[in-house]
Structure formats: structure tokens, C-alpha cells
Amino acid sequence: MIKEAFDKIGASEDLKDKTYTYVLRHTKKPLYPKLILSFGAFVLALIATYYIYFLPISFISFDINPSLELVLNRFDRVIDIKAYNSDAKDLISEISYFGDDYNEVLKELIATNTVQKCLSNDEVLSITLISDDDLKKEAMETSIEDYTLEYENIHCHKSSSEHTKEAHHHNMSSGKYQYYLLLVEKGYDLDLDDVNSMTIKEILELLGEDASFEGHHHGHR
């Protein structure tokens, strides 16, 4: 474009060539540092966005027969769902979730035919809120109870992330792994596979009044 502009100027070719060279020298070169800085800023912005939006901050275990776990970012948006059995994989395929508020995702899960059928058959749904931020857990619990209190067989628990990595290592939801620890503490000779294959109702029948890990239950039949 610069060359075309100079071609239209009524001056000697020598003068135009020298002027053209001067313009290139003083306009083109300084653009490289600016371009590099702009690109660097863009990359840093991408990294910051990834860190802020895609960093897992808290989890919500959802266990009934399907066993799964919602992964939440700092904005309480669902950035992933981990399925821990085939029923959970089928259930996840029925819903949309990425970027949605966890309440909307939980409502959608509870409303599915799979979960409604389990609840109507007197199965128990356990929702475990995993975070090291007590205020966040309190707020989450209050919000979730607004639409789960109508169900007598939905339990809501609060827990820290102390055992989360270990649970995931054993391919279990954090909530179900907490139940496994309670069963072992109570003296039951059960391994991880045994507990993983059990429904929450079966687990609660074994634990009885001892089925509590940090926080409280509601609607316990």
C-alpha cells in the first residue's frame, strides 16, 4: 500500500525510492515490538481467563444410583461433570451443563426420568457440597434446600476437600468415598468396590444414625 502511494507521487524515482526506504525504516520496524507486546498481552489474558474460569474450586457429589460429581469454578459455574458409573454417563448425556449455575444443573438432574424414578422407588439421593470455604458451603446448602426440601429422601451434606483427591484416585465421588470411610470406621469389612456398587439407601441402612459427615441431613427417612 505504501509502495502504491509513492508510485502516484510526481517526483523523481530516486527521491521516491529514498523516501520509501525511509518510511519503511521508521514505520515497519517499530511495529514488531508493539506486535510482540500485544501478542504477549493477549496470551497472558488467555492464561488469566483460563486460570480464573477453568480452575476447579469446589465440587458437588450427586449419588443415588447414578454417581457423579459437578466441578465448579470460582463463579459457581459448572465446568465439568465426572461420571463414576455407567448410569451416571447415561444421565449426563441427557442434560446440558457447561457454564451453567450449579443450581440449574442440579434441578435438571433431579428432574430427569432416571432420578425421579429412583426417588419414587424410595431410593435416597445424597448431595455432598465439597469446599474448604465454610461460607460458600453454607450459601450453597441454603440455595439447594430451596428446591430439595420438598423431597423426603434427598440428603444434603457439607464436607471439606480433605479426601477429594483420594476419592478421585479410587474413581469414586467425594461423597460416596466419605460414606466408605464411615463404614470402615464403624467396623464393616467392605472394600471400595463393594461400597461403589451400593446405593445410598443401602449404605444408610448400614450406618443408621451414624450417617453424618460434617453438616446435617434433611428429609432422612
Protein backbone atom coordinates (compact mmCIF):
# COMPACT_ATOMS: atom_id res chain seq x y z
CA MET A 1 0.00 0.00 0.00
CA ILE A 2 2.89 2.33 0.83
CA LYS A 3 4.59 1.46 -2.49
CA GLU A 4 1.37 2.16 -4.42
CA ALA A 5 1.01 5.50 -2.71
CA PHE A 6 4.54 6.55 -3.66
CA ASP A 7 4.01 5.50 -7.28
CA LYS A 8 1.30 8.18 -7.54
CA ILE A 9 3.62 10.98 -6.36
CA GLY A 10 5.03 13.25 -9.08
CA ALA A 11 8.70 13.21 -8.04
CA SER A 12 11.91 11.68 -9.32
CA GLU A 13 12.31 7.94 -8.96
CA ASP A 14 15.46 8.41 -6.89
CA LEU A 15 13.71 10.71 -4.42
CA LYS A 16 10.72 8.40 -4.19
CA ASP A 17 12.97 5.37 -3.59
CA LYS A 18 14.86 7.14 -0.81
CA THR A 19 11.67 8.42 0.78
CA TYR A 20 10.04 4.96 0.52
CA THR A 21 13.07 3.37 2.20
CA TYR A 22 12.98 5.96 4.97
CA VAL A 23 9.28 5.41 5.62
CA LEU A 24 9.74 1.65 5.83
CA ARG A 25 12.66 2.03 8.20
CA HIS A 26 10.73 4.28 10.56
CA THR A 27 7.33 2.66 10.43
CA LYS A 28 7.76 -1.04 9.86
CA LYS A 29 10.42 -1.84 12.43
CA PRO A 30 8.78 -0.19 15.44
CA LEU A 31 5.67 -2.26 14.72
CA TYR A 32 7.42 -5.51 15.68
CA PRO A 33 7.94 -4.69 19.37
CA LYS A 34 4.38 -3.39 19.58
CA LEU A 35 3.08 -6.53 17.90
CA ILE A 36 5.08 -8.74 20.22
CA LEU A 37 3.86 -6.84 23.26
CA SER A 38 0.27 -7.03 22.05
CA PHE A 39 0.55 -10.76 21.40
CA GLY A 40 2.17 -11.28 24.81
CA ALA A 41 -0.65 -9.37 26.49
CA PHE A 42 -3.17 -11.48 24.58
CA VAL A 43 -1.52 -14.72 25.71
CA LEU A 44 -1.39 -13.52 29.31
CA ALA A 45 -5.07 -12.60 29.12
CA LEU A 46 -5.88 -16.10 27.84
CA ILE A 47 -3.90 -17.69 30.66
CA ALA A 48 -5.57 -15.46 33.23
CA THR A 49 -9.01 -16.27 31.80
CA TYR A 50 -8.26 -19.98 31.90
CA TYR A 51 -6.99 -19.74 35.46
CA ILE A 52 -9.96 -17.72 36.66
CA TYR A 53 -12.72 -19.56 34.82
CA PHE A 54 -11.49 -23.13 34.45
CA LEU A 55 -9.77 -23.67 37.80
CA PRO A 56 -11.80 -26.15 39.93
CA ILE A 57 -12.73 -24.53 43.22
CA SER A 58 -15.47 -26.71 44.68
CA PHE A 59 -17.38 -29.91 43.94
CA ILE A 60 -20.87 -31.29 44.38
CA SER A 61 -21.26 -35.06 44.64
CA PHE A 62 -24.56 -36.40 43.37
CA ASP A 63 -25.14 -40.02 44.39
CA ILE A 64 -28.26 -42.14 44.22
CA ASN A 65 -27.67 -44.97 41.73
CA PRO A 66 -26.02 -42.77 39.15
CA SER A 67 -22.91 -41.48 40.92
CA LEU A 68 -21.38 -38.28 39.57
CA GLU A 69 -19.69 -35.07 40.62
CA LEU A 70 -20.13 -31.49 39.47
CA VAL A 71 -16.92 -29.48 39.15
CA LEU A 72 -17.42 -25.77 39.91
CA ASN A 73 -15.28 -22.72 39.24
CA ARG A 74 -14.97 -19.64 41.47
CA PHE A 75 -18.17 -18.23 39.94
CA ASP A 76 -20.15 -21.36 40.93
CA ARG A 77 -20.46 -22.34 37.29
CA VAL A 78 -20.24 -25.99 36.28
CA ILE A 79 -17.13 -26.52 34.16
CA ASP A 80 -17.23 -30.32 34.16
CA ILE A 81 -19.15 -33.36 35.39
CA LYS A 82 -17.33 -36.54 36.33
CA ALA A 83 -19.25 -39.79 35.91
CA TYR A 84 -18.35 -42.66 38.24
CA ASN A 85 -20.55 -45.40 36.81
CA SER A 86 -22.35 -46.24 33.59
CA ASP A 87 -25.68 -44.95 34.93
CA ALA A 88 -24.05 -41.57 35.53
CA LYS A 89 -22.67 -41.45 31.99
CA ASP A 90 -26.16 -42.07 30.62
CA LEU A 91 -27.62 -39.43 32.91
CA ILE A 92 -25.08 -36.77 31.91
CA SER A 93 -25.88 -37.35 28.25
CA GLU A 94 -29.45 -36.20 28.96
CA ILE A 95 -28.54 -32.72 30.14
CA SER A 96 -26.56 -29.62 29.18
CA TYR A 97 -24.37 -28.14 31.86
CA PHE A 98 -21.19 -26.37 30.79
CA GLY A 99 -21.07 -22.81 32.11
CA ASP A 100 -24.43 -23.13 33.88
CA ASP A 101 -25.07 -22.25 37.51
CA TYR A 102 -24.87 -25.36 39.70
CA ASN A 103 -28.45 -24.88 40.91
CA GLU A 104 -29.80 -25.08 37.38
CA VAL A 105 -27.76 -28.20 36.70
CA LEU A 106 -28.89 -29.89 39.93
CA LYS A 107 -32.52 -29.05 39.17
CA GLU A 108 -32.13 -30.52 35.71
CA LEU A 109 -30.55 -33.69 37.10
CA ILE A 110 -33.25 -34.14 39.71
CA ALA A 111 -35.96 -33.62 37.09
CA THR A 112 -34.66 -36.38 34.80
CA ASN A 113 -36.73 -39.53 34.47
CA THR A 114 -33.85 -41.59 35.84
CA VAL A 115 -33.59 -39.71 39.13
CA GLN A 116 -37.34 -39.22 39.51
CA LYS A 117 -37.86 -42.95 39.08
CA CYS A 118 -35.24 -43.67 41.75
CA LEU A 119 -36.82 -41.21 44.17
CA SER A 120 -40.30 -42.58 43.56
CA ASN A 121 -38.95 -46.07 44.33
CA ASP A 122 -37.84 -44.79 47.72
CA GLU A 123 -34.15 -44.62 46.81
CA VAL A 124 -32.10 -41.91 48.52
CA LEU A 125 -30.25 -39.09 46.80
CA SER A 126 -27.16 -37.77 48.58
CA ILE A 127 -25.85 -34.32 47.62
CA THR A 128 -22.47 -33.51 49.14
CA LEU A 129 -21.04 -30.00 49.00
CA ILE A 130 -17.25 -30.11 48.96
CA SER A 131 -15.37 -26.88 49.68
CA ASP A 132 -12.87 -25.51 52.17
CA ASP A 133 -14.82 -22.26 52.30
CA ASP A 134 -17.40 -22.61 55.06
CA LEU A 135 -19.35 -19.53 53.98
CA LYS A 136 -19.59 -20.87 50.44
CA LYS A 137 -20.88 -24.22 51.70
CA GLU A 138 -23.49 -22.52 53.86
CA ALA A 139 -24.69 -20.43 50.94
CA MET A 140 -24.78 -23.46 48.64
CA GLU A 141 -26.71 -25.51 51.17
CA THR A 142 -29.29 -22.78 51.69
CA SER A 143 -29.74 -22.38 47.96
CA ILE A 144 -30.09 -26.12 47.29
CA GLU A 145 -32.57 -26.63 50.13
CA ASP A 146 -34.93 -24.17 48.45
CA TYR A 147 -35.81 -26.80 45.85
CA THR A 148 -34.98 -30.09 47.59
CA LEU A 149 -36.83 -29.78 50.90
CA GLU A 150 -39.99 -30.98 49.19
CA TYR A 151 -38.33 -34.37 48.77
CA GLU A 152 -38.21 -36.55 51.87
CA ASN A 153 -35.41 -38.72 50.52
CA ILE A 154 -32.83 -36.15 49.46
CA HIS A 155 -29.96 -35.63 51.90
CA CYS A 156 -27.62 -32.67 51.82
CA HIS A 157 -24.15 -32.82 53.41
CA LYS A 158 -21.21 -30.47 53.72
CA SER A 159 -17.62 -31.61 53.63
CA SER A 160 -14.08 -30.32 53.19
CA SER A 161 -11.85 -31.30 50.29
CA GLU A 162 -9.57 -33.32 52.58
CA HIS A 163 -10.37 -36.63 50.90
CA THR A 164 -11.29 -35.39 47.42
CA LYS A 165 -8.03 -36.29 45.68
CA GLU A 166 -8.02 -39.71 47.30
CA ALA A 167 -11.63 -40.31 46.26
CA HIS A 168 -10.89 -39.37 42.66
CA HIS A 169 -7.81 -41.59 42.71
CA HIS A 170 -10.12 -44.51 43.52
CA ASN A 171 -12.62 -43.42 40.86
CA MET A 172 -15.28 -42.53 43.41
CA SER A 173 -17.26 -39.38 44.06
CA SER A 174 -16.13 -37.49 47.14
CA GLY A 175 -19.49 -38.07 48.77
CA LYS A 176 -19.50 -41.80 48.31
CA TYR A 177 -15.91 -42.05 49.48
CA GLN A 178 -16.93 -40.28 52.68
CA TYR A 179 -19.56 -42.97 53.20
CA TYR A 180 -16.90 -45.62 52.64
CA LEU A 181 -14.75 -44.07 55.39
CA LEU A 182 -17.73 -44.05 57.76
CA LEU A 183 -18.48 -47.71 57.04
CA VAL A 184 -14.85 -48.67 57.70
CA GLU A 185 -14.85 -46.61 60.89
CA LYS A 186 -17.97 -48.43 62.03
CA GLY A 187 -16.23 -51.77 61.51
CA TYR A 188 -17.74 -53.04 58.27
CA ASP A 189 -15.40 -55.24 56.24
CA LEU A 190 -16.15 -53.65 52.88
CA ASP A 191 -13.74 -52.62 50.16
CA LEU A 192 -14.06 -49.68 47.79
CA ASP A 193 -15.69 -51.74 45.04
CA ASP A 194 -18.31 -53.02 47.47
CA VAL A 195 -19.30 -49.51 48.51
CA ASN A 196 -19.09 -48.14 44.99
CA SER A 197 -21.68 -50.68 43.83
CA MET A 198 -24.08 -49.93 46.71
CA THR A 199 -26.93 -47.47 46.54
CA ILE A 200 -27.06 -44.65 49.09
CA LYS A 201 -30.13 -46.25 50.64
CA GLU A 202 -28.21 -49.49 51.24
CA ILE A 203 -25.31 -47.54 52.77
CA LEU A 204 -27.61 -45.59 55.08
CA GLU A 205 -29.29 -48.79 56.24
CA LEU A 206 -25.89 -49.99 57.45
CA LEU A 207 -24.85 -46.70 59.03
CA GLY A 208 -28.13 -45.85 60.69
CA GLU A 209 -27.77 -42.80 62.95
CA ASP A 210 -24.04 -42.59 62.21
CA ALA A 211 -24.57 -41.46 58.62
CA SER A 212 -23.27 -37.94 59.10
CA PHE A 213 -20.04 -36.25 57.98
CA GLU A 214 -19.81 -32.55 58.76
CA GLY A 215 -23.10 -30.75 58.49
CA HIS A 216 -26.57 -32.13 58.70
CA HIS A 217 -29.14 -34.09 56.77
CA HIS A 218 -32.65 -33.13 55.87
CA GLY A 219 -35.54 -35.38 54.98
CA HIS A 220 -33.95 -38.57 56.31
CA ARG A 221 -36.43 -41.42 56.09
